[in-house]
Amino acid sequence: MSKYMYEHTKMPSYLPMPRFLLNCPISNTAKMLYIRLLSKAQLSQKNRWLDGQGRVYFIYPIHQMAADMNKSETTIKDAMKELVKAQLLEKIPEGRGRPNRLYILFPNEEQGQKSAVGNPTAVGQKSVSNHGGNPSPSKYISNNRNNHLRDYNYEEEESF
């Protein structure tokens, strides 16, 4: 049963979300993973898990991430690739069969709201383009004009 919040209500445990993630052009799964990884990094910071250069690192096996987030290992690996590409995570291999050493990264102040490739991305703006010159395949636009049941045109800003 849900309860209202009152003046002296104790807050449930929560994970803080850095504001820069709000405008970061990564998936929501990658954002949630970053929040969890940041929490792990804070614990490592408290326990003084430092490498030779004084950087905080942590170890968090993929199978454990997947279990903690109720996601598949493939989904977690894809989210981690997004974080690495966005320069929010660095992975250092520890050897065959051993989990990677993970480092949380923060964007530079001057980067602001830039995407991973350095271009500002506005809300609703496409961040991926088709450079091949061929139209992108769409499940909403049928190329088979003989089948009137599947002949519907859908433009980006329209709805059904």
N, C-alpha and C. Protein backbone atom coordinates (compact mmCIF):
# COMPACT_ATOMS: atom_id res chain seq x y z
N MET A 1 0.83 -1.18 0.00
CA MET A 1 0.00 0.00 0.00
C MET A 1 0.88 1.25 0.00
N SER A 2 0.54 2.21 -0.80
CA SER A 2 1.29 3.46 -0.90
C SER A 2 0.92 4.40 0.22
N LYS A 3 1.88 5.24 0.58
CA LYS A 3 1.65 6.23 1.63
C LYS A 3 2.01 7.61 1.09
N TYR A 4 1.35 8.62 1.62
CA TYR A 4 1.67 10.00 1.27
C TYR A 4 2.95 10.42 1.95
N MET A 5 3.55 11.44 1.40
CA MET A 5 4.74 12.03 2.02
C MET A 5 4.29 13.18 2.90
N TYR A 6 4.77 13.19 4.13
CA TYR A 6 4.46 14.25 5.08
C TYR A 6 5.73 15.00 5.45
N GLU A 7 5.58 16.00 6.27
CA GLU A 7 6.70 16.85 6.64
C GLU A 7 7.88 16.06 7.20
N HIS A 8 7.65 15.06 8.02
CA HIS A 8 8.73 14.33 8.67
C HIS A 8 8.86 12.89 8.14
N THR A 9 8.37 12.65 6.94
CA THR A 9 8.48 11.32 6.36
C THR A 9 9.93 11.01 6.03
N LYS A 10 10.38 9.84 6.43
CA LYS A 10 11.73 9.41 6.11
C LYS A 10 11.74 8.95 4.65
N MET A 11 12.72 9.42 3.90
CA MET A 11 12.83 9.06 2.49
C MET A 11 13.29 7.62 2.34
N PRO A 12 12.74 6.90 1.34
CA PRO A 12 13.25 5.55 1.08
C PRO A 12 14.65 5.65 0.47
N SER A 13 15.39 4.56 0.52
CA SER A 13 16.73 4.62 -0.07
C SER A 13 16.61 4.88 -1.57
N TYR A 14 17.56 5.62 -2.10
CA TYR A 14 17.52 5.99 -3.52
C TYR A 14 18.93 6.19 -4.03
N LEU A 15 19.03 6.21 -5.35
CA LEU A 15 20.31 6.46 -6.01
C LEU A 15 20.24 7.83 -6.67
N PRO A 16 21.21 8.71 -6.43
CA PRO A 16 21.18 10.03 -7.06
C PRO A 16 21.52 9.93 -8.55
N MET A 17 20.87 10.79 -9.33
CA MET A 17 21.11 10.83 -10.78
C MET A 17 21.79 12.15 -11.12
N PRO A 18 22.99 12.10 -11.69
CA PRO A 18 23.65 13.34 -12.09
C PRO A 18 22.83 14.07 -13.16
N ARG A 19 22.76 15.37 -13.05
CA ARG A 19 21.94 16.16 -13.99
C ARG A 19 22.39 16.03 -15.44
N PHE A 20 23.68 15.85 -15.67
CA PHE A 20 24.15 15.79 -17.06
C PHE A 20 23.54 14.60 -17.80
N LEU A 21 23.09 13.58 -17.07
CA LEU A 21 22.48 12.42 -17.72
C LEU A 21 21.13 12.76 -18.36
N LEU A 22 20.47 13.80 -17.88
CA LEU A 22 19.16 14.17 -18.44
C LEU A 22 19.26 14.48 -19.93
N ASN A 23 20.35 15.11 -20.35
CA ASN A 23 20.51 15.50 -21.75
C ASN A 23 21.52 14.64 -22.50
N CYS A 24 21.96 13.59 -21.88
CA CYS A 24 22.95 12.72 -22.50
C CYS A 24 22.26 11.82 -23.53
N PRO A 25 22.78 11.76 -24.76
CA PRO A 25 22.12 10.99 -25.82
C PRO A 25 22.43 9.49 -25.75
N ILE A 26 22.07 8.87 -24.62
CA ILE A 26 22.23 7.43 -24.45
C ILE A 26 20.88 6.86 -24.03
N SER A 27 20.74 5.57 -24.12
CA SER A 27 19.46 4.93 -23.78
C SER A 27 19.18 5.03 -22.29
N ASN A 28 17.92 4.85 -21.94
CA ASN A 28 17.54 4.88 -20.53
C ASN A 28 18.21 3.73 -19.75
N THR A 29 18.39 2.60 -20.41
CA THR A 29 19.08 1.49 -19.75
C THR A 29 20.51 1.88 -19.42
N ALA A 30 21.18 2.55 -20.35
CA ALA A 30 22.56 3.00 -20.10
C ALA A 30 22.58 4.02 -18.97
N LYS A 31 21.59 4.90 -18.92
CA LYS A 31 21.52 5.89 -17.84
C LYS A 31 21.33 5.20 -16.49
N MET A 32 20.41 4.24 -16.44
CA MET A 32 20.18 3.53 -15.18
C MET A 32 21.42 2.73 -14.76
N LEU A 33 22.10 2.15 -15.74
CA LEU A 33 23.33 1.42 -15.43
C LEU A 33 24.39 2.38 -14.89
N TYR A 34 24.52 3.55 -15.51
CA TYR A 34 25.50 4.53 -15.03
C TYR A 34 25.21 4.91 -13.58
N ILE A 35 23.96 5.10 -13.25
CA ILE A 35 23.58 5.46 -11.88
C ILE A 35 24.00 4.35 -10.91
N ARG A 36 23.77 3.09 -11.30
CA ARG A 36 24.18 1.96 -10.45
C ARG A 36 25.71 1.89 -10.35
N LEU A 37 26.39 2.10 -11.47
CA LEU A 37 27.85 2.06 -11.47
C LEU A 37 28.43 3.18 -10.61
N LEU A 38 27.80 4.34 -10.66
CA LEU A 38 28.25 5.47 -9.84
C LEU A 38 28.12 5.12 -8.36
N SER A 39 27.06 4.43 -8.00
CA SER A 39 26.88 4.00 -6.62
C SER A 39 27.98 3.03 -6.20
N LYS A 40 28.33 2.09 -7.10
CA LYS A 40 29.42 1.15 -6.83
C LYS A 40 30.75 1.90 -6.69
N ALA A 41 30.96 2.90 -7.54
CA ALA A 41 32.20 3.68 -7.49
C ALA A 41 32.29 4.44 -6.17
N GLN A 42 31.18 4.95 -5.68
CA GLN A 42 31.19 5.67 -4.41
C GLN A 42 31.56 4.73 -3.25
N LEU A 43 31.07 3.50 -3.32
CA LEU A 43 31.43 2.52 -2.30
C LEU A 43 32.92 2.20 -2.37
N SER A 44 33.44 2.06 -3.58
CA SER A 44 34.88 1.82 -3.75
C SER A 44 35.71 3.00 -3.26
N GLN A 45 35.20 4.21 -3.49
CA GLN A 45 35.87 5.41 -3.01
C GLN A 45 35.95 5.39 -1.48
N LYS A 46 34.85 5.02 -0.86
CA LYS A 46 34.80 4.95 0.60
C LYS A 46 35.76 3.88 1.13
N ASN A 47 35.88 2.77 0.39
CA ASN A 47 36.75 1.67 0.80
C ASN A 47 38.18 1.82 0.29
N ARG A 48 38.47 2.94 -0.36
CA ARG A 48 39.80 3.29 -0.86
C ARG A 48 40.34 2.27 -1.86
N TRP A 49 39.49 1.87 -2.81
CA TRP A 49 39.95 1.02 -3.92
C TRP A 49 40.56 1.95 -4.95
N LEU A 50 41.86 2.13 -4.90
CA LEU A 50 42.56 3.06 -5.78
C LEU A 50 43.60 2.30 -6.58
N ASP A 51 43.80 2.73 -7.82
CA ASP A 51 44.86 2.13 -8.62
C ASP A 51 46.17 2.88 -8.34
N GLY A 52 47.21 2.55 -9.07
CA GLY A 52 48.52 3.16 -8.86
C GLY A 52 48.55 4.65 -9.12
N GLN A 53 47.56 5.17 -9.86
CA GLN A 53 47.50 6.61 -10.16
C GLN A 53 46.52 7.34 -9.25
N GLY A 54 45.96 6.65 -8.27
CA GLY A 54 45.04 7.27 -7.33
C GLY A 54 43.60 7.34 -7.82
N ARG A 55 43.30 6.70 -8.94
CA ARG A 55 41.94 6.71 -9.49
C ARG A 55 41.10 5.62 -8.83
N VAL A 56 39.84 5.94 -8.53
CA VAL A 56 38.92 4.98 -7.93
C VAL A 56 38.46 4.00 -8.99
N TYR A 57 38.53 2.73 -8.68
CA TYR A 57 38.02 1.70 -9.59
C TYR A 57 37.11 0.77 -8.82
N PHE A 58 36.37 -0.02 -9.54
CA PHE A 58 35.51 -1.02 -8.91
C PHE A 58 35.37 -2.21 -9.85
N ILE A 59 34.92 -3.31 -9.29
CA ILE A 59 34.70 -4.53 -10.06
C ILE A 59 33.23 -4.89 -9.89
N TYR A 60 32.57 -5.12 -11.01
CA TYR A 60 31.14 -5.42 -11.00
C TYR A 60 30.89 -6.36 -12.19
N PRO A 61 30.86 -7.65 -11.96
CA PRO A 61 30.69 -8.61 -13.06
C PRO A 61 29.37 -8.40 -13.81
N ILE A 62 29.40 -8.64 -15.10
CA ILE A 62 28.23 -8.42 -15.95
C ILE A 62 27.05 -9.26 -15.50
N HIS A 63 27.30 -10.51 -15.11
CA HIS A 63 26.17 -11.34 -14.68
C HIS A 63 25.50 -10.76 -13.44
N GLN A 64 26.28 -10.11 -12.57
CA GLN A 64 25.70 -9.48 -11.38
C GLN A 64 24.93 -8.21 -11.74
N MET A 65 25.48 -7.43 -12.68
CA MET A 65 24.75 -6.24 -13.16
C MET A 65 23.41 -6.65 -13.72
N ALA A 66 23.42 -7.69 -14.56
CA ALA A 66 22.19 -8.16 -15.20
C ALA A 66 21.17 -8.59 -14.15
N ALA A 67 21.62 -9.32 -13.15
CA ALA A 67 20.71 -9.77 -12.09
C ALA A 67 20.17 -8.58 -11.29
N ASP A 68 21.05 -7.63 -10.95
CA ASP A 68 20.64 -6.47 -10.15
C ASP A 68 19.64 -5.58 -10.90
N MET A 69 19.79 -5.50 -12.23
CA MET A 69 18.90 -4.63 -13.02
C MET A 69 17.76 -5.38 -13.68
N ASN A 70 17.71 -6.70 -13.46
CA ASN A 70 16.68 -7.53 -14.07
C ASN A 70 16.68 -7.39 -15.59
N LYS A 71 17.87 -7.44 -16.16
CA LYS A 71 18.08 -7.35 -17.61
C LYS A 71 18.93 -8.52 -18.05
N SER A 72 18.98 -8.75 -19.35
CA SER A 72 19.83 -9.81 -19.87
C SER A 72 21.28 -9.32 -19.92
N GLU A 73 22.20 -10.26 -19.97
CA GLU A 73 23.61 -9.89 -20.06
C GLU A 73 23.90 -9.14 -21.36
N THR A 74 23.21 -9.51 -22.43
CA THR A 74 23.39 -8.82 -23.72
C THR A 74 22.96 -7.37 -23.61
N THR A 75 21.84 -7.12 -22.94
CA THR A 75 21.36 -5.74 -22.75
C THR A 75 22.37 -4.93 -21.94
N ILE A 76 22.94 -5.54 -20.91
CA ILE A 76 23.93 -4.86 -20.08
C ILE A 76 25.18 -4.56 -20.89
N LYS A 77 25.63 -5.53 -21.69
CA LYS A 77 26.82 -5.31 -22.52
C LYS A 77 26.58 -4.17 -23.52
N ASP A 78 25.39 -4.10 -24.11
CA ASP A 78 25.06 -3.01 -25.03
C ASP A 78 25.07 -1.67 -24.31
N ALA A 79 24.51 -1.62 -23.11
CA ALA A 79 24.48 -0.38 -22.33
C ALA A 79 25.90 0.04 -21.95
N MET A 80 26.73 -0.93 -21.62
CA MET A 80 28.13 -0.61 -21.29
C MET A 80 28.87 -0.05 -22.50
N LYS A 81 28.60 -0.61 -23.68
CA LYS A 81 29.21 -0.08 -24.90
C LYS A 81 28.80 1.37 -25.12
N GLU A 82 27.54 1.68 -24.85
CA GLU A 82 27.07 3.06 -24.97
C GLU A 82 27.82 3.97 -24.02
N LEU A 83 28.00 3.53 -22.78
CA LEU A 83 28.70 4.34 -21.78
C LEU A 83 30.16 4.55 -22.16
N VAL A 84 30.80 3.52 -22.68
CA VAL A 84 32.20 3.65 -23.12
C VAL A 84 32.27 4.62 -24.28
N LYS A 85 31.36 4.50 -25.25
CA LYS A 85 31.36 5.38 -26.42
C LYS A 85 31.10 6.84 -26.01
N ALA A 86 30.23 7.03 -25.01
CA ALA A 86 29.92 8.38 -24.52
C ALA A 86 31.00 8.91 -23.57
N GLN A 87 32.05 8.14 -23.37
CA GLN A 87 33.16 8.48 -22.49
C GLN A 87 32.72 8.72 -21.05
N LEU A 88 31.81 7.85 -20.58
CA LEU A 88 31.34 7.90 -19.21
C LEU A 88 31.82 6.70 -18.40
N LEU A 89 32.48 5.75 -19.08
CA LEU A 89 32.97 4.55 -18.42
C LEU A 89 34.23 4.08 -19.13
N GLU A 90 35.19 3.61 -18.36
CA GLU A 90 36.39 3.00 -18.93
C GLU A 90 36.52 1.61 -18.34
N LYS A 91 36.82 0.63 -19.20
CA LYS A 91 37.00 -0.75 -18.77
C LYS A 91 38.46 -1.14 -19.00
N ILE A 92 39.08 -1.71 -17.98
CA ILE A 92 40.45 -2.20 -18.09
C ILE A 92 40.41 -3.71 -17.86
N PRO A 93 40.77 -4.50 -18.88
CA PRO A 93 40.74 -5.95 -18.71
C PRO A 93 41.74 -6.42 -17.65
N GLU A 94 41.33 -7.38 -16.86
CA GLU A 94 42.17 -7.93 -15.80
C GLU A 94 42.69 -9.31 -16.17
N GLY A 95 42.37 -9.79 -17.33
CA GLY A 95 42.84 -11.11 -17.74
C GLY A 95 41.69 -12.05 -18.06
N ARG A 96 41.99 -13.08 -18.74
CA ARG A 96 40.99 -14.04 -19.19
C ARG A 96 40.23 -14.65 -17.99
N GLY A 97 38.91 -14.59 -18.10
CA GLY A 97 38.06 -15.18 -17.07
C GLY A 97 37.89 -14.32 -15.83
N ARG A 98 38.48 -13.13 -15.83
CA ARG A 98 38.36 -12.24 -14.67
C ARG A 98 37.58 -11.00 -15.08
N PRO A 99 36.77 -10.45 -14.17
CA PRO A 99 36.01 -9.24 -14.51
C PRO A 99 36.92 -8.04 -14.74
N ASN A 100 36.44 -7.13 -15.57
CA ASN A 100 37.20 -5.91 -15.88
C ASN A 100 37.24 -4.99 -14.67
N ARG A 101 38.28 -4.18 -14.63
CA ARG A 101 38.34 -3.07 -13.69
C ARG A 101 37.55 -1.94 -14.34
N LEU A 102 36.63 -1.35 -13.63
CA LEU A 102 35.78 -0.30 -14.18
C LEU A 102 36.08 1.04 -13.53
N TYR A 103 36.07 2.08 -14.35
CA TYR A 103 36.30 3.45 -13.89
C TYR A 103 35.14 4.32 -14.36
N ILE A 104 34.51 5.01 -13.44
CA ILE A 104 33.45 5.97 -13.78
C ILE A 104 34.14 7.23 -14.28
N LEU A 105 33.62 7.80 -15.36
CA LEU A 105 34.14 9.05 -15.90
C LEU A 105 33.04 10.11 -15.85
N PHE A 106 33.44 11.36 -15.73
CA PHE A 106 32.51 12.48 -15.74
C PHE A 106 32.82 13.35 -16.95
N PRO A 107 31.79 13.93 -17.59
CA PRO A 107 32.07 14.81 -18.73
C PRO A 107 32.75 16.09 -18.26
N ASN A 108 33.58 16.65 -19.12
CA ASN A 108 34.21 17.93 -18.82
C ASN A 108 33.16 19.02 -18.76
N GLU A 109 33.40 20.04 -17.98
CA GLU A 109 32.46 21.16 -17.86
C GLU A 109 32.17 21.80 -19.22
N GLU A 110 33.23 21.97 -20.05
CA GLU A 110 33.06 22.64 -21.33
C GLU A 110 32.32 21.79 -22.35
N GLN A 111 32.25 20.46 -22.11
CA GLN A 111 31.50 19.61 -23.02
C GLN A 111 30.02 19.89 -22.92
N GLY A 112 29.56 20.21 -21.70
CA GLY A 112 28.16 20.56 -21.51
C GLY A 112 27.23 19.47 -21.96
N GLN A 113 26.37 19.82 -22.92
CA GLN A 113 25.34 18.91 -23.37
C GLN A 113 25.66 18.32 -24.73
N LYS A 114 26.93 18.11 -25.01
CA LYS A 114 27.31 17.57 -26.31
C LYS A 114 27.15 16.05 -26.30
N SER A 115 26.87 15.52 -27.47
CA SER A 115 26.74 14.08 -27.60
C SER A 115 28.13 13.45 -27.65
N ALA A 116 28.16 12.14 -27.74
CA ALA A 116 29.43 11.40 -27.73
C ALA A 116 30.31 11.77 -28.92
N VAL A 117 29.69 12.20 -30.05
CA VAL A 117 30.48 12.56 -31.21
C VAL A 117 30.78 14.05 -31.25
N GLY A 118 30.38 14.79 -30.21
CA GLY A 118 30.73 16.20 -30.12
C GLY A 118 29.73 17.16 -30.72
N ASN A 119 28.58 16.69 -31.18
CA ASN A 119 27.58 17.57 -31.74
C ASN A 119 26.44 17.76 -30.75
N PRO A 120 25.97 19.00 -30.56
CA PRO A 120 24.84 19.19 -29.66
C PRO A 120 23.62 18.43 -30.20
N THR A 121 22.89 17.81 -29.30
CA THR A 121 21.72 17.06 -29.69
C THR A 121 20.51 17.63 -28.97
N ALA A 122 19.54 18.09 -29.72
CA ALA A 122 18.33 18.63 -29.14
C ALA A 122 17.32 17.52 -28.93
N VAL A 123 16.36 17.76 -28.04
CA VAL A 123 15.31 16.78 -27.78
C VAL A 123 14.50 16.59 -29.06
N GLY A 124 14.28 15.36 -29.43
CA GLY A 124 13.50 15.05 -30.62
C GLY A 124 14.29 15.08 -31.91
N GLN A 125 15.53 15.48 -31.85
CA GLN A 125 16.37 15.56 -33.04
C GLN A 125 17.05 14.23 -33.26
N LYS A 126 17.08 13.78 -34.51
CA LYS A 126 17.76 12.53 -34.81
C LYS A 126 19.25 12.72 -34.60
N SER A 127 19.88 11.73 -33.95
CA SER A 127 21.32 11.83 -33.74
C SER A 127 22.08 10.87 -34.64
N VAL A 128 21.38 10.02 -35.37
CA VAL A 128 22.01 9.08 -36.27
C VAL A 128 21.53 9.39 -37.68
N SER A 129 22.45 9.47 -38.60
CA SER A 129 22.06 9.74 -39.98
C SER A 129 22.47 8.57 -40.86
N ASN A 130 21.83 8.49 -42.01
CA ASN A 130 22.12 7.43 -42.97
C ASN A 130 23.06 8.02 -44.01
N HIS A 131 24.31 7.63 -43.96
CA HIS A 131 25.30 8.18 -44.87
C HIS A 131 25.41 7.41 -46.17
N GLY A 132 24.71 6.31 -46.28
CA GLY A 132 24.83 5.46 -47.45
C GLY A 132 24.09 5.98 -48.67
N GLY A 133 23.21 6.94 -48.51
CA GLY A 133 22.46 7.48 -49.63
C GLY A 133 21.17 6.73 -49.91
N ASN A 134 21.00 5.57 -49.33
CA ASN A 134 19.76 4.82 -49.50
C ASN A 134 18.81 5.18 -48.38
N PRO A 135 17.51 5.18 -48.67
CA PRO A 135 16.56 5.48 -47.60
C PRO A 135 16.62 4.41 -46.52
N SER A 136 16.44 4.83 -45.27
CA SER A 136 16.44 3.89 -44.16
C SER A 136 15.20 3.02 -44.24
N PRO A 137 15.34 1.74 -43.96
CA PRO A 137 14.16 0.89 -43.96
C PRO A 137 13.27 1.26 -42.78
N SER A 138 12.00 1.24 -43.00
CA SER A 138 11.05 1.59 -41.96
C SER A 138 9.95 0.55 -41.92
N LYS A 139 9.57 0.15 -40.74
CA LYS A 139 8.50 -0.82 -40.63
C LYS A 139 7.14 -0.17 -40.88
N TYR A 140 7.11 1.17 -40.99
CA TYR A 140 5.85 1.86 -41.19
C TYR A 140 5.56 2.17 -42.65
N ILE A 141 6.56 2.14 -43.50
CA ILE A 141 6.36 2.46 -44.91
C ILE A 141 6.52 1.18 -45.71
N SER A 142 5.46 0.78 -46.36
CA SER A 142 5.48 -0.46 -47.12
C SER A 142 5.92 -0.19 -48.54
N ASN A 143 6.84 -1.01 -49.03
CA ASN A 143 7.27 -0.90 -50.42
C ASN A 143 6.38 -1.71 -51.33
N ASN A 144 5.59 -2.59 -50.78
CA ASN A 144 4.70 -3.42 -51.56
C ASN A 144 3.37 -2.70 -51.72
N ARG A 145 3.18 -1.98 -52.83
CA ARG A 145 1.98 -1.17 -53.05
C ARG A 145 0.77 -2.01 -53.47
N ASN A 146 0.97 -3.28 -53.75
CA ASN A 146 -0.14 -4.15 -54.14
C ASN A 146 -0.95 -4.60 -52.94
N ASN A 147 -0.39 -4.59 -51.80
CA ASN A 147 -1.08 -5.04 -50.61
C ASN A 147 -1.64 -3.82 -49.88
N HIS A 148 -2.94 -3.54 -50.10
CA HIS A 148 -3.53 -2.33 -49.53
C HIS A 148 -3.66 -2.39 -48.01
N LEU A 149 -3.59 -3.58 -47.42
CA LEU A 149 -3.69 -3.68 -45.97
C LEU A 149 -2.42 -3.20 -45.28
N ARG A 150 -1.30 -3.28 -45.98
CA ARG A 150 -0.04 -2.88 -45.38
C ARG A 150 0.48 -1.58 -45.99
N ASP A 151 -0.34 -0.92 -46.78
CA ASP A 151 0.08 0.29 -47.47
C ASP A 151 -0.28 1.51 -46.62
N TYR A 152 0.56 1.83 -45.70
CA TYR A 152 0.35 3.02 -44.90
C TYR A 152 1.65 3.78 -44.84
N ASN A 153 1.53 5.05 -45.01
CA ASN A 153 2.70 5.92 -44.95
C ASN A 153 2.71 6.60 -43.60
N TYR A 154 3.84 6.65 -43.02
CA TYR A 154 3.99 7.24 -41.71
C TYR A 154 5.20 8.16 -41.76
N GLU A 155 4.97 9.41 -41.52
CA GLU A 155 6.06 10.38 -41.46
C GLU A 155 6.49 10.53 -40.01
N GLU A 156 7.66 11.05 -39.81
CA GLU A 156 8.27 11.10 -38.48
C GLU A 156 7.42 11.85 -37.46
N GLU A 157 6.78 12.94 -37.86
CA GLU A 157 6.06 13.76 -36.90
C GLU A 157 4.57 13.45 -36.85
N GLU A 158 4.10 12.48 -37.59
CA GLU A 158 2.70 12.10 -37.59
C GLU A 158 2.47 10.94 -36.65
N SER A 159 1.22 10.73 -36.31
CA SER A 159 0.87 9.55 -35.54
C SER A 159 -0.25 8.81 -36.26
N PHE A 160 -0.50 7.61 -35.83
CA PHE A 160 -1.54 6.81 -36.48
C PHE A 160 -2.90 7.38 -36.19
